[in-house]
Amino acid sequence: MADRPWKAEERRAAALFGGTRFPGNAGGALDFETPGYVGQVKHRRVLSLAQVEMLAVEMEHLGGRRTPPKPGVLVVKRRAGRGQPTPRLIVVTEAVWRGLHGAVPDPDSTPNPEAPTA
């Protein structure tokens, strides 16, 4: 059986995080799991922002249910056609980002210094 581009991308993404790809017949929502992360990979021509958001939230929840909890990541690579390289994007929710980086100021509770004062 020929190596499909999406399978190769799943292997590359898993290796990026220090792991290996789950076989396609595993039937789960995860494409890889490492000692530090869980992840899903999408290698598509088109993926809407709403789909990216839904998948990132799903990865956050799946990672949070692990023992111990792990950050859940979404790895997205756009298929632009043969010979057209595109960057690999790593997508996480704000909650996952905060978990990775500790005490980060909450932009919703920080006063805006550029806001007009009365």
N, C-alpha and C. Protein backbone atom coordinates (compact mmCIF):
# COMPACT_ATOMS: atom_id res chain seq x y z
N MET A 1 0.85 -1.18 0.00
CA MET A 1 0.00 0.00 0.00
C MET A 1 0.90 1.24 0.00
N ALA A 2 0.53 2.20 -0.81
CA ALA A 2 1.31 3.43 -0.93
C ALA A 2 1.20 4.26 0.35
N ASP A 3 2.28 4.97 0.66
CA ASP A 3 2.28 5.85 1.81
C ASP A 3 1.51 7.11 1.46
N ARG A 4 0.42 7.33 2.13
CA ARG A 4 -0.41 8.50 1.86
C ARG A 4 0.23 9.74 2.49
N PRO A 5 0.08 10.92 1.87
CA PRO A 5 0.68 12.14 2.41
C PRO A 5 0.23 12.46 3.84
N TRP A 6 -1.02 12.19 4.16
CA TRP A 6 -1.51 12.50 5.51
C TRP A 6 -0.88 11.58 6.54
N LYS A 7 -0.58 10.33 6.16
CA LYS A 7 0.09 9.43 7.10
C LYS A 7 1.51 9.91 7.37
N ALA A 8 2.19 10.32 6.30
CA ALA A 8 3.56 10.83 6.46
C ALA A 8 3.56 12.08 7.33
N GLU A 9 2.56 12.94 7.15
CA GLU A 9 2.47 14.16 7.96
C GLU A 9 2.21 13.82 9.42
N GLU A 10 1.38 12.82 9.68
CA GLU A 10 1.15 12.39 11.07
C GLU A 10 2.45 11.89 11.69
N ARG A 11 3.25 11.15 10.95
CA ARG A 11 4.54 10.67 11.46
C ARG A 11 5.48 11.84 11.76
N ARG A 12 5.55 12.81 10.84
CA ARG A 12 6.42 13.97 11.04
C ARG A 12 5.99 14.77 12.27
N ALA A 13 4.69 14.98 12.43
CA ALA A 13 4.19 15.74 13.57
C ALA A 13 4.48 15.01 14.88
N ALA A 14 4.26 13.70 14.89
CA ALA A 14 4.55 12.92 16.10
C ALA A 14 6.03 13.01 16.44
N ALA A 15 6.89 12.91 15.44
CA ALA A 15 8.34 13.00 15.67
C ALA A 15 8.73 14.38 16.19
N LEU A 16 8.05 15.42 15.71
CA LEU A 16 8.31 16.79 16.18
C LEU A 16 8.13 16.88 17.69
N PHE A 17 7.17 16.14 18.24
CA PHE A 17 6.89 16.15 19.67
C PHE A 17 7.59 15.02 20.42
N GLY A 18 8.40 14.24 19.70
CA GLY A 18 9.16 13.17 20.35
C GLY A 18 8.41 11.88 20.52
N GLY A 19 7.49 11.59 19.62
CA GLY A 19 6.72 10.36 19.73
C GLY A 19 6.56 9.67 18.40
N THR A 20 5.64 8.72 18.35
CA THR A 20 5.32 8.01 17.12
C THR A 20 3.83 8.07 16.87
N ARG A 21 3.47 7.86 15.64
CA ARG A 21 2.08 7.93 15.20
C ARG A 21 1.31 6.69 15.63
N PHE A 22 0.06 6.90 16.06
CA PHE A 22 -0.82 5.76 16.31
C PHE A 22 -1.24 5.19 14.98
N PRO A 23 -1.39 3.88 14.87
CA PRO A 23 -1.91 3.31 13.61
C PRO A 23 -3.32 3.84 13.33
N GLY A 24 -3.65 3.96 12.06
CA GLY A 24 -4.96 4.48 11.66
C GLY A 24 -6.11 3.63 12.15
N ASN A 25 -5.88 2.35 12.39
CA ASN A 25 -6.97 1.48 12.82
C ASN A 25 -7.14 1.48 14.34
N ALA A 26 -6.43 2.37 15.05
CA ALA A 26 -6.58 2.44 16.50
C ALA A 26 -7.96 2.98 16.87
N GLY A 27 -8.58 3.74 15.98
CA GLY A 27 -9.96 4.17 16.18
C GLY A 27 -10.15 5.32 17.14
N GLY A 28 -9.08 5.95 17.59
CA GLY A 28 -9.22 7.04 18.55
C GLY A 28 -9.12 8.40 17.90
N ALA A 29 -9.36 9.42 18.70
CA ALA A 29 -9.28 10.80 18.21
C ALA A 29 -7.86 11.32 18.18
N LEU A 30 -6.93 10.59 18.80
CA LEU A 30 -5.54 11.03 18.85
C LEU A 30 -4.73 10.40 17.72
N ASP A 31 -3.86 11.21 17.12
CA ASP A 31 -2.95 10.70 16.11
C ASP A 31 -1.60 10.34 16.72
N PHE A 32 -1.27 10.99 17.86
CA PHE A 32 -0.04 10.63 18.56
C PHE A 32 -0.16 11.00 20.03
N GLU A 33 0.67 10.34 20.83
CA GLU A 33 0.81 10.66 22.24
C GLU A 33 2.26 10.45 22.60
N THR A 34 2.80 11.41 23.35
CA THR A 34 4.19 11.34 23.80
C THR A 34 4.16 11.45 25.32
N PRO A 35 5.31 11.34 25.97
CA PRO A 35 5.30 11.52 27.43
C PRO A 35 4.81 12.91 27.84
N GLY A 36 4.89 13.90 26.95
CA GLY A 36 4.49 15.25 27.34
C GLY A 36 3.28 15.83 26.63
N TYR A 37 2.79 15.20 25.56
CA TYR A 37 1.71 15.78 24.75
C TYR A 37 0.79 14.71 24.18
N VAL A 38 -0.42 15.14 23.83
CA VAL A 38 -1.31 14.37 22.97
C VAL A 38 -1.62 15.26 21.78
N GLY A 39 -1.86 14.66 20.63
CA GLY A 39 -2.11 15.50 19.46
C GLY A 39 -2.90 14.85 18.37
N GLN A 40 -3.45 15.72 17.55
CA GLN A 40 -4.16 15.33 16.35
C GLN A 40 -3.57 16.13 15.19
N VAL A 41 -3.52 15.50 14.02
CA VAL A 41 -2.90 16.11 12.86
C VAL A 41 -3.94 16.22 11.75
N LYS A 42 -3.97 17.37 11.09
CA LYS A 42 -4.84 17.58 9.94
C LYS A 42 -3.97 18.07 8.78
N HIS A 43 -4.01 17.33 7.69
CA HIS A 43 -3.26 17.67 6.47
C HIS A 43 -4.31 17.81 5.37
N ARG A 44 -4.78 19.04 5.19
CA ARG A 44 -5.93 19.28 4.31
C ARG A 44 -5.68 20.47 3.39
N ARG A 45 -6.43 20.49 2.30
CA ARG A 45 -6.42 21.67 1.42
C ARG A 45 -7.22 22.80 2.07
N VAL A 46 -8.32 22.46 2.72
CA VAL A 46 -9.20 23.46 3.33
C VAL A 46 -9.59 22.97 4.73
N LEU A 47 -9.51 23.86 5.69
CA LEU A 47 -9.95 23.58 7.06
C LEU A 47 -10.44 24.90 7.64
N SER A 48 -11.71 24.97 7.94
CA SER A 48 -12.28 26.24 8.41
C SER A 48 -11.78 26.59 9.80
N LEU A 49 -11.88 27.87 10.12
CA LEU A 49 -11.48 28.33 11.45
C LEU A 49 -12.36 27.68 12.52
N ALA A 50 -13.64 27.49 12.22
CA ALA A 50 -14.54 26.84 13.18
C ALA A 50 -14.10 25.40 13.43
N GLN A 51 -13.65 24.70 12.39
CA GLN A 51 -13.15 23.33 12.57
C GLN A 51 -11.86 23.32 13.38
N VAL A 52 -10.97 24.27 13.12
CA VAL A 52 -9.72 24.37 13.88
C VAL A 52 -10.04 24.61 15.35
N GLU A 53 -10.95 25.51 15.61
CA GLU A 53 -11.35 25.81 17.00
C GLU A 53 -11.91 24.57 17.68
N MET A 54 -12.81 23.87 17.03
CA MET A 54 -13.44 22.68 17.60
C MET A 54 -12.40 21.60 17.89
N LEU A 55 -11.47 21.39 16.96
CA LEU A 55 -10.43 20.37 17.13
C LEU A 55 -9.47 20.75 18.25
N ALA A 56 -9.10 22.03 18.37
CA ALA A 56 -8.20 22.47 19.44
C ALA A 56 -8.86 22.27 20.81
N VAL A 57 -10.14 22.57 20.91
CA VAL A 57 -10.87 22.38 22.17
C VAL A 57 -10.95 20.88 22.49
N GLU A 58 -11.20 20.07 21.48
CA GLU A 58 -11.24 18.61 21.68
C GLU A 58 -9.90 18.10 22.21
N MET A 59 -8.79 18.59 21.65
CA MET A 59 -7.47 18.16 22.10
C MET A 59 -7.21 18.62 23.54
N GLU A 60 -7.66 19.84 23.88
CA GLU A 60 -7.53 20.32 25.26
C GLU A 60 -8.22 19.36 26.22
N HIS A 61 -9.45 18.95 25.89
CA HIS A 61 -10.22 18.05 26.76
C HIS A 61 -9.59 16.67 26.83
N LEU A 62 -9.17 16.13 25.69
CA LEU A 62 -8.56 14.80 25.69
C LEU A 62 -7.26 14.78 26.49
N GLY A 63 -6.45 15.83 26.33
CA GLY A 63 -5.21 15.91 27.10
C GLY A 63 -5.47 16.05 28.59
N GLY A 64 -6.50 16.80 28.95
CA GLY A 64 -6.83 17.00 30.35
C GLY A 64 -7.33 15.75 31.03
N ARG A 65 -7.83 14.78 30.26
CA ARG A 65 -8.34 13.54 30.84
C ARG A 65 -7.24 12.49 31.01
N ARG A 66 -6.04 12.77 30.53
CA ARG A 66 -4.94 11.82 30.69
C ARG A 66 -4.44 11.87 32.13
N THR A 67 -3.79 10.77 32.56
CA THR A 67 -3.17 10.73 33.87
C THR A 67 -1.69 10.50 33.69
N PRO A 68 -0.86 11.47 34.00
CA PRO A 68 -1.18 12.85 34.39
C PRO A 68 -1.69 13.64 33.18
N PRO A 69 -2.36 14.77 33.43
CA PRO A 69 -2.84 15.59 32.31
C PRO A 69 -1.69 16.04 31.41
N LYS A 70 -1.98 16.10 30.11
CA LYS A 70 -0.99 16.51 29.12
C LYS A 70 -1.58 17.61 28.25
N PRO A 71 -0.74 18.52 27.76
CA PRO A 71 -1.25 19.51 26.82
C PRO A 71 -1.71 18.83 25.53
N GLY A 72 -2.87 19.23 25.05
CA GLY A 72 -3.38 18.72 23.78
C GLY A 72 -3.10 19.71 22.67
N VAL A 73 -2.51 19.24 21.58
CA VAL A 73 -2.15 20.12 20.47
C VAL A 73 -2.81 19.66 19.18
N LEU A 74 -3.06 20.61 18.32
CA LEU A 74 -3.54 20.35 16.97
C LEU A 74 -2.43 20.78 16.03
N VAL A 75 -2.02 19.88 15.15
CA VAL A 75 -0.99 20.19 14.16
C VAL A 75 -1.68 20.27 12.80
N VAL A 76 -1.58 21.42 12.15
CA VAL A 76 -2.26 21.65 10.87
C VAL A 76 -1.22 21.94 9.80
N LYS A 77 -1.36 21.27 8.67
CA LYS A 77 -0.50 21.54 7.51
C LYS A 77 -1.40 21.59 6.29
N ARG A 78 -1.35 22.71 5.58
CA ARG A 78 -2.19 22.90 4.39
C ARG A 78 -1.55 22.22 3.19
N ARG A 79 -2.36 21.50 2.45
CA ARG A 79 -1.90 20.86 1.21
C ARG A 79 -2.12 21.85 0.07
N ALA A 80 -1.05 22.44 -0.40
CA ALA A 80 -1.15 23.44 -1.46
C ALA A 80 -0.87 22.84 -2.84
N GLY A 81 -0.52 21.58 -2.90
CA GLY A 81 -0.21 20.95 -4.17
C GLY A 81 1.26 20.54 -4.24
N ARG A 82 1.54 19.64 -5.13
CA ARG A 82 2.90 19.12 -5.27
C ARG A 82 3.91 20.24 -5.51
N GLY A 83 4.98 20.22 -4.73
CA GLY A 83 6.03 21.21 -4.89
C GLY A 83 5.73 22.56 -4.27
N GLN A 84 4.62 22.68 -3.57
CA GLN A 84 4.23 23.94 -2.94
C GLN A 84 4.32 23.79 -1.41
N PRO A 85 5.47 24.08 -0.83
CA PRO A 85 5.61 23.89 0.62
C PRO A 85 4.76 24.87 1.42
N THR A 86 4.27 24.39 2.55
CA THR A 86 3.51 25.23 3.48
C THR A 86 4.03 24.98 4.89
N PRO A 87 3.88 25.95 5.78
CA PRO A 87 4.38 25.75 7.14
C PRO A 87 3.45 24.85 7.94
N ARG A 88 4.02 24.18 8.89
CA ARG A 88 3.26 23.37 9.84
C ARG A 88 2.85 24.31 10.97
N LEU A 89 1.57 24.31 11.33
CA LEU A 89 1.07 25.18 12.40
C LEU A 89 0.73 24.33 13.63
N ILE A 90 1.11 24.83 14.78
CA ILE A 90 0.79 24.16 16.05
C ILE A 90 -0.26 25.02 16.73
N VAL A 91 -1.44 24.46 16.97
CA VAL A 91 -2.57 25.21 17.51
C VAL A 91 -2.92 24.66 18.89
N VAL A 92 -3.03 25.57 19.86
CA VAL A 92 -3.49 25.21 21.20
C VAL A 92 -4.50 26.25 21.66
N THR A 93 -5.34 25.86 22.60
CA THR A 93 -6.26 26.82 23.18
C THR A 93 -5.52 27.72 24.17
N GLU A 94 -6.15 28.80 24.57
CA GLU A 94 -5.54 29.69 25.55
C GLU A 94 -5.27 28.95 26.86
N ALA A 95 -6.19 28.07 27.27
CA ALA A 95 -6.00 27.33 28.52
C ALA A 95 -4.76 26.45 28.45
N VAL A 96 -4.54 25.81 27.31
CA VAL A 96 -3.35 24.97 27.15
C VAL A 96 -2.11 25.86 27.17
N TRP A 97 -2.15 26.98 26.47
CA TRP A 97 -1.02 27.91 26.45
C TRP A 97 -0.66 28.36 27.87
N ARG A 98 -1.67 28.73 28.65
CA ARG A 98 -1.43 29.16 30.02
C ARG A 98 -0.83 28.02 30.85
N GLY A 99 -1.29 26.80 30.62
CA GLY A 99 -0.74 25.65 31.33
C GLY A 99 0.73 25.41 31.00
N LEU A 100 1.10 25.70 29.77
CA LEU A 100 2.49 25.53 29.34
C LEU A 100 3.40 26.63 29.85
N HIS A 101 2.86 27.83 30.02
CA HIS A 101 3.69 29.00 30.33
C HIS A 101 3.48 29.59 31.71
N GLY A 102 2.70 28.95 32.53
CA GLY A 102 2.55 29.42 33.91
C GLY A 102 1.80 30.73 34.02
N ALA A 103 2.29 31.59 34.90
CA ALA A 103 1.61 32.84 35.20
C ALA A 103 1.78 33.85 34.06
N VAL A 104 0.80 33.86 33.19
CA VAL A 104 0.76 34.82 32.09
C VAL A 104 -0.40 35.76 32.38
N PRO A 105 -0.19 37.07 32.27
CA PRO A 105 -1.30 37.99 32.55
C PRO A 105 -2.51 37.70 31.68
N ASP A 106 -3.68 37.80 32.27
CA ASP A 106 -4.93 37.61 31.55
C ASP A 106 -5.26 38.90 30.82
N PRO A 107 -5.28 38.89 29.47
CA PRO A 107 -5.53 40.12 28.73
C PRO A 107 -6.91 40.70 28.97
N ASP A 108 -7.86 39.87 29.41
CA ASP A 108 -9.21 40.37 29.66
C ASP A 108 -9.31 41.12 30.98
N SER A 109 -8.33 40.92 31.89
CA SER A 109 -8.40 41.61 33.17
C SER A 109 -7.31 42.66 33.32
N THR A 110 -6.46 42.81 32.32
CA THR A 110 -5.40 43.81 32.36
C THR A 110 -5.92 45.12 31.80
N PRO A 111 -5.74 46.22 32.53
CA PRO A 111 -6.20 47.51 32.01
C PRO A 111 -5.47 47.88 30.72
N ASN A 112 -6.19 48.47 29.81
CA ASN A 112 -5.62 48.90 28.54
C ASN A 112 -5.02 50.29 28.72
N PRO A 113 -3.69 50.43 28.62
CA PRO A 113 -3.07 51.74 28.83
C PRO A 113 -3.42 52.73 27.73
N GLU A 114 -3.92 52.25 26.59
CA GLU A 114 -4.27 53.14 25.48
C GLU A 114 -5.73 53.59 25.54
N ALA A 115 -6.48 53.03 26.48
CA ALA A 115 -7.90 53.39 26.59
C ALA A 115 -8.03 54.81 27.13
N PRO A 116 -8.98 55.57 26.58
CA PRO A 116 -9.17 56.95 27.07
C PRO A 116 -9.69 56.93 28.51
N THR A 117 -9.24 57.87 29.29
CA THR A 117 -9.70 57.99 30.67
C THR A 117 -10.67 59.14 30.78
N ALA A 118 -11.56 59.03 31.71
CA ALA A 118 -12.58 60.08 31.89
C ALA A 118 -12.09 61.22 32.73
